[in-house]
Protein backbone atom coordinates (compact mmCIF):
# COMPACT_ATOMS: atom_id res chain seq x y z
CA MET A 1 95.22 92.69 99.74
CA GLU A 2 96.56 96.03 98.57
CA LEU A 3 96.53 99.16 100.71
CA ALA A 4 94.42 100.91 98.06
CA ASP A 5 91.66 98.43 98.98
CA ILE A 6 91.41 99.80 102.53
CA LEU A 7 93.00 103.28 102.47
CA THR A 8 91.64 106.40 100.77
CA GLU A 9 93.42 109.68 100.13
CA GLU A 10 91.04 111.30 102.65
CA SER A 11 92.38 108.85 105.22
CA VAL A 12 95.91 110.25 105.07
CA LEU A 13 96.74 112.79 107.78
CA VAL A 14 99.78 114.97 108.29
CA CYS A 15 99.73 116.20 111.88
CA THR A 16 101.77 118.98 113.42
CA ASP A 17 99.95 119.24 116.75
CA ILE A 18 100.12 115.70 118.16
CA LYS A 19 102.03 115.38 121.43
CA THR A 20 101.06 112.03 122.97
CA LYS A 21 100.02 108.50 122.11
CA ARG A 22 96.52 109.34 123.38
CA ASP A 23 96.39 112.31 120.96
CA VAL A 24 97.28 109.90 118.12
CA LEU A 25 94.52 107.47 119.05
CA GLU A 26 91.96 110.26 119.49
CA ARG A 27 92.77 111.83 116.12
CA LEU A 28 92.59 108.42 114.42
CA ALA A 29 89.22 107.76 116.07
CA ASP A 30 87.92 111.14 114.92
CA ARG A 31 88.94 110.45 111.31
CA VAL A 32 87.41 106.97 111.29
CA ALA A 33 84.22 108.39 112.82
CA ALA A 34 84.03 110.93 109.99
CA ILE A 35 84.52 108.19 107.39
CA THR A 36 82.25 105.51 108.85
CA SER A 37 79.72 107.42 111.01
CA HIS A 38 80.60 105.18 113.97
CA PRO A 39 81.00 107.03 117.29
CA ALA A 40 84.55 108.28 117.85
CA ALA A 41 84.42 107.13 121.48
CA ASP A 42 83.74 103.52 120.41
CA ILE A 43 86.60 103.64 117.92
CA PHE A 44 88.97 105.15 120.49
CA ASN A 45 88.00 102.47 123.01
CA ALA A 46 88.66 99.68 120.49
CA LEU A 47 92.12 101.08 119.72
CA ASN A 48 92.92 101.86 123.34
CA ASP A 49 91.77 98.42 124.52
CA ARG A 50 94.19 96.80 122.06
CA GLU A 51 97.03 99.10 123.19
CA SER A 52 96.40 98.07 126.80
CA LEU A 53 97.39 94.52 125.80
CA GLY A 54 100.77 95.74 124.56
CA SER A 55 102.06 98.54 122.39
CA THR A 56 101.56 98.36 118.65
CA GLY A 57 104.77 100.34 118.19
CA LEU A 58 106.80 98.08 115.90
CA GLY A 59 110.09 99.97 116.12
CA ASN A 60 111.94 102.19 113.65
CA GLY A 61 109.42 104.99 114.22
CA ILE A 62 106.46 102.89 113.06
CA ALA A 63 103.22 102.02 114.88
CA VAL A 64 100.22 100.02 113.69
CA PRO A 65 97.40 100.53 116.18
CA HIS A 66 94.52 98.23 115.35
CA GLY A 67 91.34 96.75 116.66
CA LYS A 68 87.95 95.33 115.83
CA LEU A 69 84.67 97.20 115.82
CA ALA A 70 81.15 95.85 115.47
CA GLY A 71 79.19 97.16 112.52
CA LEU A 72 82.02 97.91 110.11
CA SER A 73 81.46 96.66 106.58
CA GLY A 74 85.15 95.99 105.95
CA VAL A 75 88.68 96.81 107.05
CA VAL A 76 89.35 100.56 107.36
CA ALA A 77 92.81 102.14 107.38
CA VAL A 78 94.01 105.61 108.32
CA PHE A 79 97.62 106.74 107.90
CA MET A 80 99.12 109.48 110.03
CA LYS A 81 102.48 111.18 109.60
CA LEU A 82 103.63 113.13 112.64
CA SER A 83 105.87 116.16 112.26
CA VAL A 84 107.15 115.59 115.81
CA PRO A 85 107.60 111.93 116.85
CA VAL A 86 105.78 110.82 120.01
CA ASP A 87 106.49 108.17 122.62
CA PHE A 88 104.44 105.09 121.75
CA ASP A 89 105.99 102.55 124.14
CA SER A 90 107.54 100.91 121.07
CA VAL A 91 109.56 97.72 121.28
CA ASP A 92 112.77 99.69 120.58
CA ASP A 93 111.82 102.58 122.92
CA GLU A 94 112.11 104.99 119.98
CA PRO A 95 109.41 107.58 119.28
CA VAL A 96 106.93 107.08 116.43
CA ASP A 97 106.33 109.34 113.44
CA LEU A 98 104.59 106.96 110.99
CA VAL A 99 101.27 105.46 112.09
CA MET A 100 98.94 103.18 110.15
CA MET A 101 95.72 102.36 111.97
CA LEU A 102 93.58 99.39 111.01
CA LEU A 103 90.06 98.63 112.16
CA ALA A 104 88.27 95.47 111.14
CA PRO A 105 84.75 94.20 111.65
CA MET A 106 84.17 91.64 114.38
CA GLY A 107 84.86 88.18 112.99
CA ALA A 108 87.12 89.43 110.17
CA GLY A 109 90.04 87.23 111.20
CA ALA A 110 91.66 86.53 107.83
CA ASP A 111 91.10 89.98 106.34
CA HIS A 112 92.37 91.66 109.48
CA LEU A 113 95.51 89.52 109.51
CA LYS A 114 96.13 90.05 105.79
CA ALA A 115 95.81 93.80 106.26
CA LEU A 116 98.19 93.80 109.24
CA ALA A 117 100.74 91.75 107.30
CA ARG A 118 100.50 94.04 104.27
CA VAL A 119 100.88 97.21 106.34
CA ALA A 120 103.88 95.83 108.23
CA ARG A 121 105.51 94.75 104.98
CA VAL A 122 104.99 98.14 103.32
CA LEU A 123 106.07 100.30 106.27
CA ARG A 124 109.09 98.15 107.09
CA THR A 125 110.42 98.61 103.57
CA ASP A 126 113.17 101.16 104.20
CA SER A 127 112.77 102.95 100.87
CA ILE A 128 109.05 103.46 101.48
CA ALA A 129 109.50 104.67 105.07
CA ASP A 130 112.23 107.06 103.91
CA SER A 131 110.00 108.39 101.12
CA LEU A 132 107.11 108.91 103.55
CA ARG A 133 109.34 110.86 105.91
CA ARG A 134 110.45 113.22 103.12
CA VAL A 135 106.99 114.41 102.03
CA ASN A 136 104.11 116.22 103.72
CA ASP A 137 101.51 116.23 100.95
CA PRO A 138 98.69 113.76 101.73
CA ALA A 139 98.15 112.97 98.03
CA ARG A 140 101.84 112.12 97.57
CA ILE A 141 101.85 110.05 100.78
CA TYR A 142 98.81 108.14 99.52
CA SER A 143 100.58 107.48 96.23
CA ILE A 144 103.67 106.16 98.00
CA LEU A 145 101.61 103.89 100.25
CA THR A 146 99.50 102.45 97.47
CA GLN A 147 102.31 101.67 95.04
CA SER A 148 103.13 98.00 95.08
CA ILE A 149 106.32 97.00 96.86
CA GLU A 150 107.46 95.28 93.70
CA SER A 151 107.32 98.53 91.72
CA LYS A 152 109.25 100.33 94.49
CA ALA A 153 111.94 97.64 94.41
CA ALA A 154 112.32 97.76 90.62
């Protein structure tokens, strides 16, 4: 699974007004609601319920909030770059500035896991994370995210 399969350019946000983890989850829910026509409150609850089990802050300024939502036709991704990092209760206690949210339909076990693995692999590639932190143009961010890791390594 490639990120281009689940992420659109319209799903890339650059945010200057986010101050808390809750703000992050609310903004992500709003964007997914606009894309899918599902209620933002349901999306927020799915993300927040997963966060209550343990933070999805992976460390190194990266978080991958995710959850499952009834009625989705496939996995949906939204990427958010924060101009000011926020506390996300990450495993390394460092604030987060790169966020990739994933929502999957109920029962989408394999696709959900493949998407999570792909996102973690892409964002944990230092050259990609560094590139993302240097740009603020959503189109450029989308391009960086959807390039294959192999082409970035070459």
